[in-house]
């Protein structure tokens, strides 16, 4: 039961009627994993600290667990994420 878990930022990759597919985001930039994408905080993305999008940490969650929008990725960030997902899943 994740309803009592700490709120965590994530990038929404897809949505269905009941679920969201997300990549998690961490501000622990010293613990970089293969596929992680660096992202700087901006007014657009709403992050408070330099962070990593964990391309290898994808999950499907109930939309009930998605508590709100903190920001959006810019076009260049979306392009890097798209490329990173293709590389991680060997879709190139």
N, C-alpha and C. Protein backbone atom coordinates (compact mmCIF):
# COMPACT_ATOMS: atom_id res chain seq x y z
N UNK A 1 0.85 -1.17 0.00
CA UNK A 1 0.00 0.00 0.00
C UNK A 1 0.89 1.24 0.00
N UNK A 2 0.96 1.92 -1.14
CA UNK A 2 1.85 3.06 -1.29
C UNK A 2 1.20 4.40 -0.94
N UNK A 3 -0.04 4.39 -0.52
CA UNK A 3 -0.73 5.66 -0.25
C UNK A 3 -0.11 6.45 0.89
N UNK A 4 0.63 5.80 1.77
CA UNK A 4 1.26 6.51 2.90
C UNK A 4 2.73 6.80 2.65
N UNK A 5 3.22 6.48 1.47
CA UNK A 5 4.63 6.71 1.14
C UNK A 5 4.90 8.20 0.96
N UNK A 6 6.17 8.56 1.11
CA UNK A 6 6.61 9.94 0.90
C UNK A 6 6.36 10.32 -0.57
N UNK A 7 5.97 11.56 -0.79
CA UNK A 7 5.76 12.04 -2.16
C UNK A 7 7.10 12.12 -2.88
N UNK A 8 7.13 11.64 -4.10
CA UNK A 8 8.35 11.63 -4.91
C UNK A 8 8.06 12.17 -6.30
N UNK A 9 8.96 12.97 -6.86
CA UNK A 9 8.75 13.44 -8.23
C UNK A 9 9.00 12.32 -9.23
N UNK A 10 8.31 12.41 -10.35
CA UNK A 10 8.47 11.42 -11.42
C UNK A 10 8.09 12.07 -12.74
N UNK A 11 8.57 11.49 -13.84
CA UNK A 11 8.18 11.90 -15.18
C UNK A 11 7.12 10.93 -15.66
N UNK A 12 5.98 11.45 -16.07
CA UNK A 12 4.91 10.59 -16.59
C UNK A 12 5.22 10.27 -18.05
N UNK A 13 5.34 8.97 -18.34
CA UNK A 13 5.62 8.52 -19.70
C UNK A 13 4.34 8.19 -20.46
N UNK A 14 3.33 7.68 -19.75
CA UNK A 14 2.07 7.30 -20.37
C UNK A 14 0.98 7.24 -19.31
N UNK A 15 -0.26 7.37 -19.76
CA UNK A 15 -1.40 7.25 -18.85
C UNK A 15 -2.46 6.35 -19.48
N UNK A 16 -3.22 5.68 -18.63
CA UNK A 16 -4.41 4.93 -19.04
C UNK A 16 -5.56 5.43 -18.18
N UNK A 17 -6.71 4.80 -18.29
CA UNK A 17 -7.85 5.23 -17.48
C UNK A 17 -7.54 5.15 -15.99
N UNK A 18 -6.75 4.15 -15.59
CA UNK A 18 -6.54 3.91 -14.16
C UNK A 18 -5.09 4.08 -13.70
N UNK A 19 -4.14 4.05 -14.63
CA UNK A 19 -2.73 4.00 -14.24
C UNK A 19 -1.89 5.08 -14.90
N UNK A 20 -0.70 5.30 -14.34
CA UNK A 20 0.33 6.12 -14.96
C UNK A 20 1.62 5.31 -15.00
N UNK A 21 2.36 5.47 -16.09
CA UNK A 21 3.68 4.84 -16.21
C UNK A 21 4.69 5.96 -16.02
N UNK A 22 5.61 5.78 -15.07
CA UNK A 22 6.52 6.86 -14.69
C UNK A 22 7.98 6.40 -14.65
N UNK A 23 8.87 7.37 -14.82
CA UNK A 23 10.30 7.24 -14.47
C UNK A 23 10.47 8.06 -13.20
N UNK A 24 11.08 7.49 -12.22
CA UNK A 24 11.29 8.21 -10.97
C UNK A 24 12.41 9.23 -11.10
N UNK A 25 12.38 10.25 -10.26
CA UNK A 25 13.40 11.30 -10.22
C UNK A 25 14.00 11.31 -8.82
N UNK A 26 15.34 11.46 -8.76
CA UNK A 26 16.02 11.57 -7.47
C UNK A 26 16.93 12.79 -7.47
N UNK A 27 17.08 13.39 -6.31
CA UNK A 27 18.04 14.50 -6.16
C UNK A 27 19.40 13.97 -5.69
N UNK A 28 19.51 12.68 -5.49
CA UNK A 28 20.78 12.06 -5.05
C UNK A 28 21.69 11.85 -6.27
N UNK A 29 22.26 12.94 -6.77
CA UNK A 29 23.02 12.89 -8.01
C UNK A 29 24.36 12.16 -7.88
N UNK A 30 24.82 11.92 -6.67
CA UNK A 30 26.08 11.19 -6.50
C UNK A 30 25.90 9.69 -6.68
N UNK A 31 24.66 9.22 -6.74
CA UNK A 31 24.36 7.79 -6.90
C UNK A 31 23.85 7.50 -8.31
N UNK A 32 24.62 7.91 -9.31
CA UNK A 32 24.19 7.78 -10.70
C UNK A 32 24.25 6.33 -11.16
N UNK A 33 23.18 5.90 -11.85
CA UNK A 33 23.09 4.56 -12.41
C UNK A 33 23.13 4.62 -13.93
N UNK A 34 23.40 3.50 -14.57
CA UNK A 34 23.39 3.43 -16.03
C UNK A 34 22.03 3.91 -16.54
N UNK A 35 22.06 4.82 -17.49
CA UNK A 35 20.83 5.33 -18.09
C UNK A 35 20.27 6.58 -17.43
N UNK A 36 20.77 6.95 -16.26
CA UNK A 36 20.25 8.14 -15.59
C UNK A 36 20.49 9.40 -16.43
N UNK A 37 19.54 10.30 -16.40
CA UNK A 37 19.62 11.56 -17.15
C UNK A 37 19.67 12.72 -16.16
N UNK A 38 20.70 13.54 -16.28
CA UNK A 38 20.81 14.72 -15.41
C UNK A 38 19.80 15.77 -15.84
N UNK A 39 19.24 16.45 -14.84
CA UNK A 39 18.28 17.52 -15.13
C UNK A 39 18.49 18.63 -14.10
N UNK A 40 18.56 19.85 -14.59
CA UNK A 40 18.73 21.01 -13.72
C UNK A 40 17.36 21.58 -13.35
N UNK A 41 17.25 22.16 -12.15
CA UNK A 41 15.97 22.76 -11.77
C UNK A 41 15.70 24.02 -12.59
N UNK A 42 14.46 24.15 -13.04
CA UNK A 42 14.02 25.35 -13.77
C UNK A 42 12.61 25.71 -13.30
N UNK A 43 12.17 26.89 -13.67
CA UNK A 43 10.79 27.28 -13.35
C UNK A 43 9.80 26.37 -14.07
N UNK A 44 10.18 25.90 -15.26
CA UNK A 44 9.27 25.05 -16.04
C UNK A 44 9.12 23.67 -15.42
N UNK A 45 10.25 23.04 -15.01
CA UNK A 45 10.13 21.67 -14.48
C UNK A 45 9.77 21.62 -13.00
N UNK A 46 9.90 22.73 -12.30
CA UNK A 46 9.47 22.80 -10.91
C UNK A 46 10.35 22.08 -9.90
N UNK A 47 11.47 21.54 -10.35
CA UNK A 47 12.37 20.85 -9.41
C UNK A 47 13.10 21.88 -8.56
N UNK A 48 13.46 21.48 -7.34
CA UNK A 48 14.16 22.38 -6.43
C UNK A 48 15.67 22.19 -6.47
N UNK A 49 16.12 21.01 -6.91
CA UNK A 49 17.55 20.67 -6.86
C UNK A 49 17.96 19.99 -8.17
N UNK A 50 19.27 20.06 -8.51
CA UNK A 50 19.74 19.23 -9.62
C UNK A 50 19.36 17.78 -9.33
N UNK A 51 18.91 17.08 -10.35
CA UNK A 51 18.36 15.75 -10.14
C UNK A 51 18.74 14.79 -11.26
N UNK A 52 18.35 13.54 -11.08
CA UNK A 52 18.52 12.51 -12.09
C UNK A 52 17.16 11.90 -12.40
N UNK A 53 16.84 11.80 -13.68
CA UNK A 53 15.68 11.01 -14.09
C UNK A 53 16.17 9.58 -14.21
N UNK A 54 15.58 8.68 -13.46
CA UNK A 54 15.99 7.27 -13.42
C UNK A 54 15.30 6.51 -14.55
N UNK A 55 15.91 6.55 -15.74
CA UNK A 55 15.33 5.90 -16.90
C UNK A 55 15.15 4.41 -16.66
N UNK A 56 16.01 3.80 -15.87
CA UNK A 56 15.89 2.38 -15.56
C UNK A 56 14.94 2.07 -14.42
N UNK A 57 14.33 3.08 -13.82
CA UNK A 57 13.39 2.88 -12.71
C UNK A 57 11.99 3.28 -13.18
N UNK A 58 11.38 2.42 -13.96
CA UNK A 58 10.06 2.67 -14.51
C UNK A 58 9.05 1.85 -13.73
N UNK A 59 7.91 2.46 -13.45
CA UNK A 59 6.86 1.76 -12.70
C UNK A 59 5.49 2.15 -13.24
N UNK A 60 4.55 1.25 -13.08
CA UNK A 60 3.15 1.53 -13.37
C UNK A 60 2.44 1.68 -12.03
N UNK A 61 1.83 2.85 -11.84
CA UNK A 61 1.17 3.17 -10.57
C UNK A 61 -0.29 3.53 -10.82
N UNK A 62 -1.11 3.32 -9.84
CA UNK A 62 -2.49 3.78 -9.90
C UNK A 62 -2.51 5.30 -9.97
N UNK A 63 -3.40 5.86 -10.78
CA UNK A 63 -3.51 7.32 -10.87
C UNK A 63 -3.86 7.94 -9.52
N UNK A 64 -4.44 7.16 -8.62
CA UNK A 64 -4.76 7.64 -7.28
C UNK A 64 -3.49 8.10 -6.57
N UNK A 65 -2.35 7.49 -6.89
CA UNK A 65 -1.09 7.84 -6.23
C UNK A 65 -0.45 9.09 -6.81
N UNK A 66 -0.87 9.52 -7.99
CA UNK A 66 -0.34 10.74 -8.61
C UNK A 66 -1.03 11.93 -7.96
N UNK A 67 -0.29 12.69 -7.18
CA UNK A 67 -0.89 13.75 -6.36
C UNK A 67 -0.95 15.11 -7.03
N UNK A 68 -0.26 15.30 -8.14
CA UNK A 68 -0.33 16.60 -8.78
C UNK A 68 0.85 16.85 -9.68
N UNK A 69 0.81 17.95 -10.35
CA UNK A 69 1.83 18.34 -11.31
C UNK A 69 2.75 19.38 -10.68
N UNK A 70 4.07 19.13 -10.70
CA UNK A 70 4.99 20.14 -10.19
C UNK A 70 5.63 20.92 -11.33
N UNK A 71 5.60 20.38 -12.55
CA UNK A 71 6.19 21.06 -13.68
C UNK A 71 6.14 20.21 -14.93
N UNK A 72 6.86 20.68 -15.94
CA UNK A 72 6.92 19.99 -17.23
C UNK A 72 8.36 19.99 -17.72
N UNK A 73 8.68 19.01 -18.55
CA UNK A 73 9.99 19.00 -19.18
C UNK A 73 9.98 19.94 -20.37
N UNK A 74 11.10 20.62 -20.59
CA UNK A 74 11.26 21.44 -21.77
C UNK A 74 11.50 20.56 -22.99
N UNK A 75 11.44 21.14 -24.18
CA UNK A 75 11.61 20.37 -25.41
C UNK A 75 12.96 19.67 -25.48
N UNK A 76 14.03 20.35 -25.09
CA UNK A 76 15.35 19.72 -25.15
C UNK A 76 15.45 18.58 -24.14
N UNK A 77 14.86 18.75 -22.96
CA UNK A 77 14.86 17.67 -21.96
C UNK A 77 14.06 16.47 -22.45
N UNK A 78 12.94 16.74 -23.12
CA UNK A 78 12.13 15.65 -23.66
C UNK A 78 12.89 14.89 -24.74
N UNK A 79 13.65 15.60 -25.56
CA UNK A 79 14.43 14.94 -26.61
C UNK A 79 15.51 14.06 -26.00
N UNK A 80 16.18 14.53 -24.96
CA UNK A 80 17.21 13.73 -24.29
C UNK A 80 16.58 12.52 -23.62
N UNK A 81 15.44 12.70 -22.98
CA UNK A 81 14.74 11.57 -22.35
C UNK A 81 14.32 10.55 -23.40
N UNK A 82 13.78 11.00 -24.51
CA UNK A 82 13.38 10.10 -25.60
C UNK A 82 14.57 9.27 -26.08
N UNK A 83 15.68 9.93 -26.30
CA UNK A 83 16.90 9.24 -26.73
C UNK A 83 17.38 8.26 -25.67
N UNK A 84 17.35 8.68 -24.41
CA UNK A 84 17.78 7.81 -23.32
C UNK A 84 16.92 6.57 -23.18
N UNK A 85 15.61 6.72 -23.34
CA UNK A 85 14.70 5.57 -23.28
C UNK A 85 14.99 4.60 -24.42
N UNK A 86 15.21 5.13 -25.62
CA UNK A 86 15.52 4.27 -26.77
C UNK A 86 16.82 3.51 -26.55
N UNK A 87 17.83 4.19 -26.01
CA UNK A 87 19.11 3.53 -25.72
C UNK A 87 18.94 2.48 -24.64
N UNK A 88 18.26 2.83 -23.56
CA UNK A 88 18.11 1.91 -22.43
C UNK A 88 17.40 0.63 -22.85
N UNK A 89 16.36 0.78 -23.67
CA UNK A 89 15.59 -0.39 -24.11
C UNK A 89 16.09 -0.95 -25.45
N UNK A 90 17.23 -0.45 -25.90
CA UNK A 90 17.88 -0.92 -27.14
C UNK A 90 16.92 -0.88 -28.33
N UNK A 91 16.26 0.25 -28.49
CA UNK A 91 15.30 0.44 -29.57
C UNK A 91 15.89 1.21 -30.74
N UNK A 92 17.18 1.45 -30.72
CA UNK A 92 17.84 2.20 -31.80
C UNK A 92 18.17 1.29 -32.95
